Amino acid sequence: MYSLMESFFADSNIDHHTMFYQRKLGRYTRTKKKLRRASFSIFSTITFFACIILCVHKYQTTSHDYYFLRCSLIDLQNPIPTKGTVTTLSRSIFLTSSNIPTQQVDEDDQKAPEPPLNLATKYQRINWFRKNLHEFKIFKSNNLTRQFHTRVVGFLSNEECEARFFMTWISPARLFGSRELLSLETLFKFHPQVCLIIVSITLNSKQGNKILRPLIHRGFKVQAVTPDLPSLFRKTPAKAWLHDLRKGKKDPGKIPLSQNLSNLIRLVILYKYGGIYLDTDFIVLKPFHRLRNSIAAQSMDQVSKNWTRLNNAVLVFDKNHPLVFRFIEEFERSFDGNKWGYNGPYMVSRVVERVREEGGLDFRVLPPTSFYPVDWKQVEQLFKKPRNEEEERWIEAKLDELKSGETYGIHLWNKQSKNLTIEEGSLLKLLISYHFS
């Protein structure tokens, strides 16, 4: 280290000063000693300040466990960024990269192509899809994707994993913003010892590592893994669906294919590995430890108290659960890429409606208050401050309901609310203050 400091001074024209002192004083030896003492003094000063910086960093990353969470909460109150680096990340300190296999994902290649709106017929959409199939990165197999199963099993085999959580992210990494980070932060606040796998091509990259690094260096177990669909779908009905889609025997539909792929991937992941699937637009409010083999209702009849629709944004199932296999079968059999939600909430609702009279499937339907206490039609009221007495009463009643302890998490319905901001006095603002202040 001392020789490095001498090299630094040599690069800073120290020889010029030495010659000056030689000519002026004629005492080369004394000058050299002085310079060494100066070097040591400066080196000590640098070392001292480096120690201070390290201590401050350690204090921030250990004593302030929810510093990053608070940044996420602050950023959530601003419009969601669509370009550039996620604003939350600039407030965090990054350390060295983890030894995680990644791929270089070009910014221009991150978003999957979408069919033009003028493709009116099934055959036009099929022809367009087959022509552009090579542009869909998620369908490709390579050395990285073929490590999927090994990486998942290796990651989940950690003895410290109290539970298995899964998410999917098929959008560009740059769109993984404040809301998604908030979802992860609240998840780890109530489940600090769980393992989270995010099935994603774009987050399994250098850019994705930067986004997840603050969580990883605080000790949370989260990893993005690129899927290999042919091997993942093997020995399930999803294999036939993928084959027919690639061969032009299925209409990919007008809805972005990535959404339906997410619907299918979450089912196969749960069937093969077991655990909890969670969408990336949830605020977790309490631990999920008591949940097992459960799906939640999105809405219910206020008179009969029977559910009217289920949702697949949260799924809790054991490995090889027969109901999850039924979901995959129905997805493959009745796939329709032209109807929003048909292969997601409507699909799981159809299956559960058919099997509700059967026995031996071992599952339960949770009430809407568990995960969907605010319906997507009311999501604006979640973000907006009350404008009259009726809205004030609604917020007070809903807040009391959420404080009762029956709610595990609250869905933000990102498709409907992505352009909304949190206002002072809103239900979401009060909820965040109550749980995370």
Protein backbone atom coordinates (compact mmCIF):
# COMPACT_ATOMS: atom_id res chain seq x y z
CA MET A 1 0.00 0.00 0.00
CA TYR A 2 2.89 2.39 0.82
CA SER A 3 4.47 1.79 -2.58
CA LEU A 4 1.15 2.64 -4.20
CA MET A 5 1.12 5.94 -2.35
CA GLU A 6 4.70 6.66 -3.53
CA SER A 7 3.60 5.92 -7.09
CA PHE A 8 0.72 8.34 -6.66
CA PHE A 9 3.10 11.10 -5.60
CA ALA A 10 5.47 10.24 -8.44
CA ASP A 11 2.59 10.72 -10.86
CA SER A 12 1.92 14.11 -9.27
CA ASN A 13 5.28 15.62 -10.38
CA ILE A 14 6.95 15.02 -7.00
CA ASP A 15 10.34 14.60 -8.79
CA HIS A 16 10.14 18.21 -9.91
CA HIS A 17 9.76 19.37 -6.29
CA THR A 18 12.57 17.07 -5.17
CA MET A 19 14.95 18.60 -7.72
CA PHE A 20 13.85 22.03 -6.59
CA TYR A 21 14.77 21.24 -2.99
CA GLN A 22 18.05 19.66 -4.08
CA ARG A 23 19.04 22.79 -5.90
CA LYS A 24 17.76 25.08 -3.15
CA LEU A 25 18.93 23.24 -0.04
CA GLY A 26 21.28 20.59 -1.32
CA ARG A 27 19.84 18.16 1.14
CA TYR A 28 18.34 15.33 -0.85
CA THR A 29 18.20 12.89 2.05
CA ARG A 30 16.32 15.24 4.37
CA THR A 31 13.89 16.17 1.62
CA LYS A 32 13.14 12.53 0.91
CA LYS A 33 12.40 11.93 4.60
CA LYS A 34 10.09 14.93 4.69
CA LEU A 35 8.23 13.71 1.63
CA ARG A 36 7.85 10.27 3.13
CA ARG A 37 6.46 11.79 6.31
CA ALA A 38 4.06 13.88 4.19
CA SER A 39 3.06 10.81 2.21
CA PHE A 40 2.39 8.89 5.40
CA SER A 41 0.40 11.80 6.81
CA ILE A 42 -1.77 12.06 3.72
CA PHE A 43 -2.14 8.29 3.57
CA SER A 44 -3.29 8.28 7.21
CA THR A 45 -5.80 11.02 6.49
CA ILE A 46 -7.21 9.13 3.51
CA THR A 47 -7.39 5.94 5.56
CA PHE A 48 -9.16 7.78 8.37
CA PHE A 49 -11.85 9.16 6.08
CA ALA A 50 -12.22 5.81 4.31
CA CYS A 51 -12.93 4.19 7.67
CA ILE A 52 -15.55 6.82 8.41
CA ILE A 53 -17.25 6.20 5.06
CA LEU A 54 -17.30 2.44 5.67
CA CYS A 55 -18.73 2.91 9.15
CA VAL A 56 -21.45 5.24 7.84
CA HIS A 57 -22.29 2.75 5.09
CA LYS A 58 -22.51 -0.12 7.57
CA TYR A 59 -24.73 2.00 9.80
CA GLN A 60 -27.05 2.75 6.90
CA THR A 61 -27.27 -0.84 5.70
CA THR A 62 -27.75 -2.45 9.13
CA SER A 63 -29.33 0.01 11.53
CA HIS A 64 -31.61 1.58 8.92
CA ASP A 65 -33.24 -1.56 7.54
CA TYR A 66 -36.13 0.36 6.04
CA TYR A 67 -34.20 3.29 4.58
CA PHE A 68 -34.67 1.91 1.08
CA LEU A 69 -38.35 1.23 1.82
CA ARG A 70 -38.89 4.85 2.78
CA CYS A 71 -37.26 5.96 -0.47
CA SER A 72 -39.65 3.68 -2.35
CA LEU A 73 -42.61 5.11 -0.48
CA ILE A 74 -41.51 8.63 -1.32
CA ASP A 75 -40.97 7.81 -4.99
CA LEU A 76 -44.34 6.08 -5.19
CA GLN A 77 -45.97 9.44 -4.58
CA ASN A 78 -44.48 10.73 -7.84
CA PRO A 79 -45.40 9.63 -11.37
CA ILE A 80 -43.86 6.29 -12.32
CA PRO A 81 -40.65 6.86 -14.33
CA THR A 82 -40.72 5.46 -17.84
CA LYS A 83 -37.18 6.21 -18.97
CA GLY A 84 -33.72 6.16 -17.50
CA THR A 85 -32.56 4.81 -14.15
CA VAL A 86 -35.12 4.16 -11.44
CA THR A 87 -35.02 7.20 -9.16
CA THR A 88 -35.03 5.10 -5.98
CA LEU A 89 -31.73 3.52 -6.88
CA SER A 90 -29.83 6.80 -6.81
CA ARG A 91 -30.44 6.96 -3.08
CA SER A 92 -28.83 3.60 -2.34
CA ILE A 93 -25.21 2.57 -1.98
CA PHE A 94 -24.08 -0.19 -4.36
CA LEU A 95 -21.41 -2.71 -3.49
CA THR A 96 -19.75 -5.38 -5.59
CA SER A 97 -21.79 -7.51 -8.02
CA SER A 98 -23.10 -10.91 -7.01
CA ASN A 99 -21.85 -14.00 -8.81
CA ILE A 100 -25.13 -14.54 -10.65
CA PRO A 101 -25.25 -15.71 -14.28
CA THR A 102 -26.56 -12.83 -16.38
CA GLN A 103 -26.99 -11.86 -19.99
CA GLN A 104 -26.46 -8.61 -21.82
CA VAL A 105 -29.90 -7.35 -22.78
CA ASP A 106 -29.94 -4.48 -25.25
CA GLU A 107 -32.40 -1.73 -24.39
CA ASP A 108 -33.94 -1.89 -27.86
CA ASP A 109 -34.44 -5.65 -27.58
CA GLN A 110 -36.09 -5.75 -24.17
CA LYS A 111 -39.67 -5.21 -25.25
CA ALA A 112 -41.39 -8.07 -27.08
CA PRO A 113 -42.98 -7.11 -30.40
CA GLU A 114 -46.73 -6.49 -30.42
CA PRO A 115 -49.03 -7.18 -33.37
CA PRO A 116 -50.25 -4.17 -35.35
CA LEU A 117 -53.79 -3.10 -34.58
CA ASN A 118 -54.89 -3.64 -38.17
CA LEU A 119 -54.53 -7.42 -37.99
CA ALA A 120 -58.24 -8.19 -37.97
CA THR A 121 -58.30 -11.93 -38.59
CA LYS A 122 -56.93 -14.99 -36.86
CA TYR A 123 -54.84 -15.94 -39.89
CA GLN A 124 -53.29 -12.48 -40.17
CA ARG A 125 -52.21 -12.61 -36.53
CA ILE A 126 -50.82 -16.14 -36.88
CA ASN A 127 -48.83 -15.20 -39.98
CA TRP A 128 -47.49 -12.07 -38.29
CA PHE A 129 -46.48 -14.08 -35.20
CA ARG A 130 -44.67 -16.79 -37.15
CA LYS A 131 -42.86 -14.16 -39.21
CA ASN A 132 -41.70 -12.35 -36.05
CA LEU A 133 -41.18 -15.38 -33.82
CA HIS A 134 -37.41 -14.88 -33.83
CA GLU A 135 -37.93 -11.47 -32.19
CA PHE A 136 -39.51 -13.02 -29.08
CA LYS A 137 -36.48 -13.58 -26.83
CA ILE A 138 -38.51 -15.50 -24.28
CA PHE A 139 -39.00 -18.42 -26.67
CA LYS A 140 -35.26 -18.91 -27.22
CA SER A 141 -33.11 -21.53 -25.51
CA ASN A 142 -29.40 -21.01 -24.85
CA ASN A 143 -26.76 -21.90 -22.29
CA LEU A 144 -28.20 -19.44 -19.78
CA THR A 145 -31.85 -20.50 -20.09
CA ARG A 146 -30.96 -24.17 -19.85
CA GLN A 147 -29.61 -23.49 -16.34
CA PHE A 148 -33.10 -22.47 -15.19
CA HIS A 149 -34.06 -25.59 -13.25
CA THR A 150 -30.61 -25.99 -11.70
CA ARG A 151 -30.54 -22.37 -10.59
CA VAL A 152 -34.07 -22.46 -9.16
CA VAL A 153 -33.49 -25.68 -7.23
CA GLY A 154 -30.10 -24.48 -6.00
CA PHE A 155 -31.50 -21.16 -4.84
CA LEU A 156 -34.54 -22.67 -3.11
CA SER A 157 -32.46 -25.37 -1.38
CA ASN A 158 -31.12 -22.72 1.00
CA GLU A 159 -31.91 -23.98 4.49
CA GLU A 160 -32.71 -20.43 5.60
CA CYS A 161 -35.65 -20.12 3.17
CA GLU A 162 -38.80 -20.06 5.29
CA ALA A 163 -41.04 -19.96 2.21
CA ARG A 164 -40.86 -19.77 -1.59
CA PHE A 165 -42.16 -16.71 -3.39
CA PHE A 166 -42.33 -16.22 -7.15
CA MET A 167 -42.97 -13.24 -9.41
CA THR A 168 -42.78 -12.76 -13.17
CA TRP A 169 -41.46 -9.76 -15.09
CA ILE A 170 -41.60 -9.83 -18.89
CA SER A 171 -41.39 -6.06 -19.45
CA PRO A 172 -38.12 -4.11 -19.93
CA ALA A 173 -35.97 -3.81 -16.81
CA ARG A 174 -36.12 -0.01 -16.93
CA LEU A 175 -39.87 -0.23 -16.21
CA PHE A 176 -39.27 -2.05 -12.92
CA GLY A 177 -39.89 1.12 -10.96
CA SER A 178 -40.96 2.46 -7.59
CA ARG A 179 -44.17 0.46 -7.30
CA GLU A 180 -42.44 -2.81 -8.04
CA LEU A 181 -39.65 -2.01 -5.60
CA LEU A 182 -42.26 -1.11 -3.00
CA SER A 183 -43.88 -4.51 -3.49
CA LEU A 184 -40.55 -6.26 -2.86
CA GLU A 185 -39.77 -4.07 0.14
CA THR A 186 -43.11 -4.73 1.83
CA LEU A 187 -42.79 -8.44 1.06
CA PHE A 188 -39.41 -8.63 2.80
CA LYS A 189 -40.57 -6.42 5.67
CA PHE A 190 -43.01 -9.13 6.75
CA HIS A 191 -41.03 -12.10 5.35
CA PRO A 192 -37.32 -11.35 5.87
CA GLN A 193 -36.27 -15.02 5.59
CA VAL A 194 -38.12 -16.08 2.43
CA CYS A 195 -36.59 -16.78 -0.97
CA LEU A 196 -37.97 -14.81 -3.93
CA ILE A 197 -37.43 -15.83 -7.54
CA ILE A 198 -38.38 -13.37 -10.27
CA VAL A 199 -38.82 -15.23 -13.55
CA SER A 200 -37.51 -12.71 -16.05
CA ILE A 201 -35.19 -12.30 -19.01
CA THR A 202 -34.73 -8.57 -18.61
CA LEU A 203 -34.02 -8.55 -14.86
CA ASN A 204 -31.53 -11.40 -15.23
CA SER A 205 -29.07 -8.89 -16.66
CA LYS A 206 -26.53 -6.31 -15.52
CA GLN A 207 -29.25 -3.67 -15.38
CA GLY A 208 -31.47 -6.01 -13.41
CA ASN A 209 -28.65 -6.74 -10.97
CA LYS A 210 -28.29 -3.03 -10.29
CA ILE A 211 -31.99 -2.80 -9.50
CA LEU A 212 -32.03 -5.76 -7.10
CA ARG A 213 -28.57 -5.24 -5.59
CA PRO A 214 -29.65 -3.01 -2.65
CA LEU A 215 -31.99 -5.75 -1.46
CA ILE A 216 -29.43 -8.51 -1.94
CA HIS A 217 -26.73 -6.63 0.00
CA ARG A 218 -29.12 -6.14 2.89
CA GLY A 219 -29.31 -9.91 3.17
CA PHE A 220 -32.63 -10.53 1.40
CA LYS A 221 -32.74 -13.60 -0.80
CA VAL A 222 -33.96 -12.52 -4.23
CA GLN A 223 -32.79 -13.66 -7.65
CA ALA A 224 -33.96 -13.08 -11.23
CA VAL A 225 -33.79 -16.19 -13.40
CA THR A 226 -34.24 -16.44 -17.17
CA PRO A 227 -36.81 -19.15 -18.01
CA ASP A 228 -36.40 -21.94 -20.50
CA LEU A 229 -39.98 -22.46 -21.66
CA PRO A 230 -39.51 -25.80 -23.48
CA SER A 231 -38.03 -27.48 -20.41
CA LEU A 232 -40.26 -25.62 -17.93
CA PHE A 233 -43.46 -26.62 -19.76
CA ARG A 234 -42.38 -30.24 -20.23
CA LYS A 235 -44.75 -32.86 -18.74
CA THR A 236 -47.59 -30.34 -18.46
CA PRO A 237 -50.38 -29.29 -20.86
CA ALA A 238 -48.40 -26.07 -21.37
CA LYS A 239 -46.03 -28.02 -23.64
CA ALA A 240 -48.82 -28.64 -26.18
CA TRP A 241 -49.90 -24.99 -26.00
CA LEU A 242 -46.37 -23.76 -26.74
CA HIS A 243 -45.95 -26.25 -29.59
CA ASP A 244 -49.25 -25.24 -31.24
CA LEU A 245 -48.50 -21.55 -30.82
CA ARG A 246 -45.09 -21.82 -32.47
CA LYS A 247 -46.47 -23.98 -35.31
CA GLY A 248 -49.25 -21.54 -36.11
CA LYS A 249 -52.07 -23.70 -34.75
CA LYS A 250 -53.12 -21.15 -32.12
CA ASP A 251 -54.09 -17.54 -32.54
CA PRO A 252 -51.74 -15.41 -30.37
CA GLY A 253 -54.50 -12.79 -30.16
CA LYS A 254 -54.67 -9.02 -29.91
CA ILE A 255 -53.69 -8.87 -26.23
CA PRO A 256 -49.90 -8.57 -25.72
CA LEU A 257 -48.63 -12.14 -25.57
CA SER A 258 -46.40 -11.32 -22.61
CA GLN A 259 -49.46 -10.97 -20.37
CA ASN A 260 -50.74 -14.41 -21.24
CA LEU A 261 -47.27 -15.91 -20.92
CA SER A 262 -47.11 -14.50 -17.41
CA ASN A 263 -50.47 -16.14 -16.65
CA LEU A 264 -49.16 -19.50 -17.81
CA ILE A 265 -45.64 -19.30 -16.37
CA ARG A 266 -46.91 -18.62 -12.84
CA LEU A 267 -49.11 -21.72 -12.98
CA VAL A 268 -46.35 -24.04 -14.21
CA ILE A 269 -43.86 -22.62 -11.70
CA LEU A 270 -46.24 -23.29 -8.81
CA TYR A 271 -47.11 -26.75 -10.10
CA LYS A 272 -43.48 -27.81 -10.44
CA TYR A 273 -41.95 -26.11 -7.39
CA GLY A 274 -44.78 -25.12 -5.06
CA GLY A 275 -44.95 -21.87 -3.14
CA ILE A 276 -46.57 -18.46 -3.38
CA TYR A 277 -47.02 -16.42 -6.55
CA LEU A 278 -47.48 -12.66 -6.12
CA ASP A 279 -47.97 -9.92 -8.70
CA THR A 280 -45.49 -7.04 -8.59
CA ASP A 281 -48.15 -4.40 -7.78
CA PHE A 282 -49.07 -5.48 -4.24
CA ILE A 283 -48.44 -3.83 -0.91
CA VAL A 284 -47.99 -6.61 1.62
CA LEU A 285 -49.58 -5.86 4.99
CA LYS A 286 -48.95 -8.99 7.06
CA PRO A 287 -47.23 -12.41 6.91
CA PHE A 288 -48.63 -15.17 4.69
CA HIS A 289 -47.44 -17.97 6.98
CA ARG A 290 -50.92 -19.37 7.64
CA LEU A 291 -51.89 -19.58 3.98
CA ARG A 292 -51.81 -22.89 2.15
CA ASN A 293 -53.48 -24.04 -1.07
CA SER A 294 -55.47 -20.84 -1.44
CA ILE A 295 -56.84 -18.54 -4.11
CA ALA A 296 -58.61 -15.28 -3.37
CA ALA A 297 -61.92 -13.91 -4.58
CA GLN A 298 -61.84 -10.57 -6.35
CA SER A 299 -65.55 -9.89 -5.83
CA MET A 300 -68.55 -11.39 -4.07
CA ASP A 301 -72.32 -11.11 -4.05
CA GLN A 302 -73.26 -8.83 -1.17
CA VAL A 303 -76.48 -10.75 -0.49
CA SER A 304 -75.47 -14.41 -0.81
CA LYS A 305 -71.82 -13.75 0.19
CA ASN A 306 -70.74 -16.15 -2.55
CA TRP A 307 -67.78 -15.17 -4.68
CA THR A 308 -68.54 -13.93 -8.19
CA ARG A 309 -64.99 -13.80 -9.57
CA LEU A 310 -61.59 -15.06 -8.53
CA ASN A 311 -58.21 -13.60 -9.40
CA ASN A 312 -54.80 -15.11 -10.15
CA ALA A 313 -52.65 -12.21 -8.92
CA VAL A 314 -51.96 -14.19 -5.72
CA LEU A 315 -51.77 -17.99 -5.71
CA VAL A 316 -50.64 -20.20 -2.82
CA PHE A 317 -50.28 -23.90 -3.68
CA ASP A 318 -48.24 -26.96 -2.89
CA LYS A 319 -46.10 -28.65 -5.50
CA ASN A 320 -48.07 -30.87 -7.94
CA HIS A 321 -51.41 -29.59 -6.66
CA PRO A 322 -54.25 -31.01 -8.80
CA LEU A 323 -56.15 -27.73 -8.98
CA VAL A 324 -53.12 -25.95 -10.47
CA PHE A 325 -52.88 -28.74 -13.06
CA ARG A 326 -56.56 -28.11 -13.90
CA PHE A 327 -55.73 -24.43 -14.40
CA ILE A 328 -52.95 -25.33 -16.86
CA GLU A 329 -55.28 -27.73 -18.70
CA GLU A 330 -57.95 -25.06 -19.04
CA PHE A 331 -55.43 -22.48 -20.23
CA GLU A 332 -54.27 -24.82 -23.00
CA ARG A 333 -57.75 -26.03 -23.96
CA SER A 334 -59.63 -22.71 -24.07
CA PHE A 335 -56.89 -20.15 -24.75
CA ASP A 336 -58.19 -16.92 -26.26
CA GLY A 337 -55.66 -14.14 -26.75
CA ASN A 338 -58.30 -11.61 -27.80
CA LYS A 339 -60.16 -11.21 -24.50
CA TRP A 340 -58.65 -9.34 -21.59
CA GLY A 341 -58.44 -11.54 -18.48
CA TYR A 342 -59.91 -14.58 -20.23
CA ASN A 343 -56.78 -16.67 -19.57
CA GLY A 344 -56.26 -15.22 -16.09
CA PRO A 345 -59.00 -14.25 -13.59
CA TYR A 346 -61.82 -15.58 -15.77
CA MET A 347 -59.99 -18.84 -16.39
CA VAL A 348 -59.37 -19.66 -12.71
CA SER A 349 -62.97 -18.67 -11.96
CA ARG A 350 -64.29 -21.09 -14.59
CA VAL A 351 -62.23 -23.97 -13.26
CA VAL A 352 -63.07 -23.44 -9.59
CA GLU A 353 -66.76 -23.08 -10.46
CA ARG A 354 -66.65 -26.49 -12.14
CA VAL A 355 -64.72 -28.27 -9.40
CA ARG A 356 -66.36 -26.67 -6.37
CA GLU A 357 -68.64 -29.70 -5.97
CA GLU A 358 -65.74 -32.15 -6.23
CA GLY A 359 -64.00 -33.39 -3.15
CA GLY A 360 -60.39 -34.11 -2.38
CA LEU A 361 -58.81 -31.12 -4.07
CA ASP A 362 -57.80 -29.53 -0.76
CA PHE A 363 -58.01 -25.78 -1.38
CA ARG A 364 -59.94 -22.79 -0.13
CA VAL A 365 -61.22 -19.54 -1.55
CA LEU A 366 -60.27 -16.48 0.49
CA PRO A 367 -62.66 -13.49 0.71
CA PRO A 368 -61.97 -10.30 -1.28
CA THR A 369 -60.81 -8.55 1.90
CA SER A 370 -57.73 -10.81 1.97
CA PHE A 371 -56.03 -9.39 -1.15
CA TYR A 372 -58.53 -7.29 -3.10
CA PRO A 373 -60.12 -4.98 -0.51
CA VAL A 374 -60.37 -2.26 -3.17
CA ASP A 375 -61.77 -3.32 -6.53
CA TRP A 376 -60.19 -2.07 -9.76
CA LYS A 377 -63.28 0.06 -10.38
CA GLN A 378 -62.58 1.93 -7.13
CA VAL A 379 -58.81 2.12 -7.47
CA GLU A 380 -58.84 5.89 -8.07
CA GLN A 381 -60.33 6.35 -4.60
CA LEU A 382 -57.30 4.53 -3.23
CA PHE A 383 -54.98 7.27 -4.52
CA LYS A 384 -57.14 10.40 -4.32
CA LYS A 385 -57.96 12.50 -1.27
CA PRO A 386 -61.66 12.72 -0.32
CA ARG A 387 -63.63 15.49 -1.99
CA ASN A 388 -66.85 15.23 -0.01
CA GLU A 389 -68.27 13.68 3.17
CA GLU A 390 -69.31 10.49 1.41
CA GLU A 391 -65.75 9.85 0.24
CA GLU A 392 -64.43 10.65 3.72
CA ARG A 393 -66.76 8.06 5.23
CA TRP A 394 -65.66 5.51 2.62
CA ILE A 395 -61.99 6.06 3.49
CA GLU A 396 -62.64 5.80 7.23
CA ALA A 397 -64.63 2.58 6.83
CA LYS A 398 -62.08 1.04 4.47
CA LEU A 399 -59.17 1.99 6.74
CA ASP A 400 -60.89 0.35 9.72
CA GLU A 401 -61.44 -2.75 7.59
CA LEU A 402 -57.77 -2.87 6.58
CA LYS A 403 -56.64 -2.40 10.18
CA SER A 404 -58.76 -5.36 11.31
CA GLY A 405 -56.03 -7.83 10.38
CA GLU A 406 -57.98 -9.77 7.76
CA THR A 407 -56.07 -8.24 4.85
CA TYR A 408 -52.76 -9.82 3.78
CA GLY A 409 -52.06 -7.33 1.01
CA ILE A 410 -53.65 -4.73 -1.20
CA HIS A 411 -53.61 -4.88 -4.99
CA LEU A 412 -52.78 -1.59 -6.70
CA TRP A 413 -54.29 -2.62 -10.06
CA ASN A 414 -51.35 -1.14 -11.92
CA LYS A 415 -53.03 -1.28 -15.33
CA GLN A 416 -55.70 1.14 -14.11
CA SER A 417 -53.62 3.17 -11.64
CA LYS A 418 -50.16 3.48 -13.22
CA ASN A 419 -50.64 7.18 -13.96
CA LEU A 420 -52.15 8.08 -10.57
CA THR A 421 -50.17 9.70 -7.77
CA ILE A 422 -50.74 9.41 -4.03
CA GLU A 423 -52.46 12.48 -2.60
CA GLU A 424 -52.31 13.68 1.00
CA GLY A 425 -55.29 12.33 2.91
CA SER A 426 -55.85 9.47 0.48
CA LEU A 427 -56.49 5.94 1.72
CA LEU A 428 -53.15 4.73 0.38
CA LYS A 429 -51.27 7.57 2.07
CA LEU A 430 -52.96 6.81 5.40
CA LEU A 431 -52.33 3.09 4.96
CA ILE A 432 -48.62 3.58 4.28
CA SER A 433 -48.30 5.92 7.26
CA TYR A 434 -50.06 3.41 9.53
CA HIS A 435 -47.98 0.37 8.52
CA PHE A 436 -44.57 1.74 7.53
CA SER A 437 -43.96 5.00 9.39
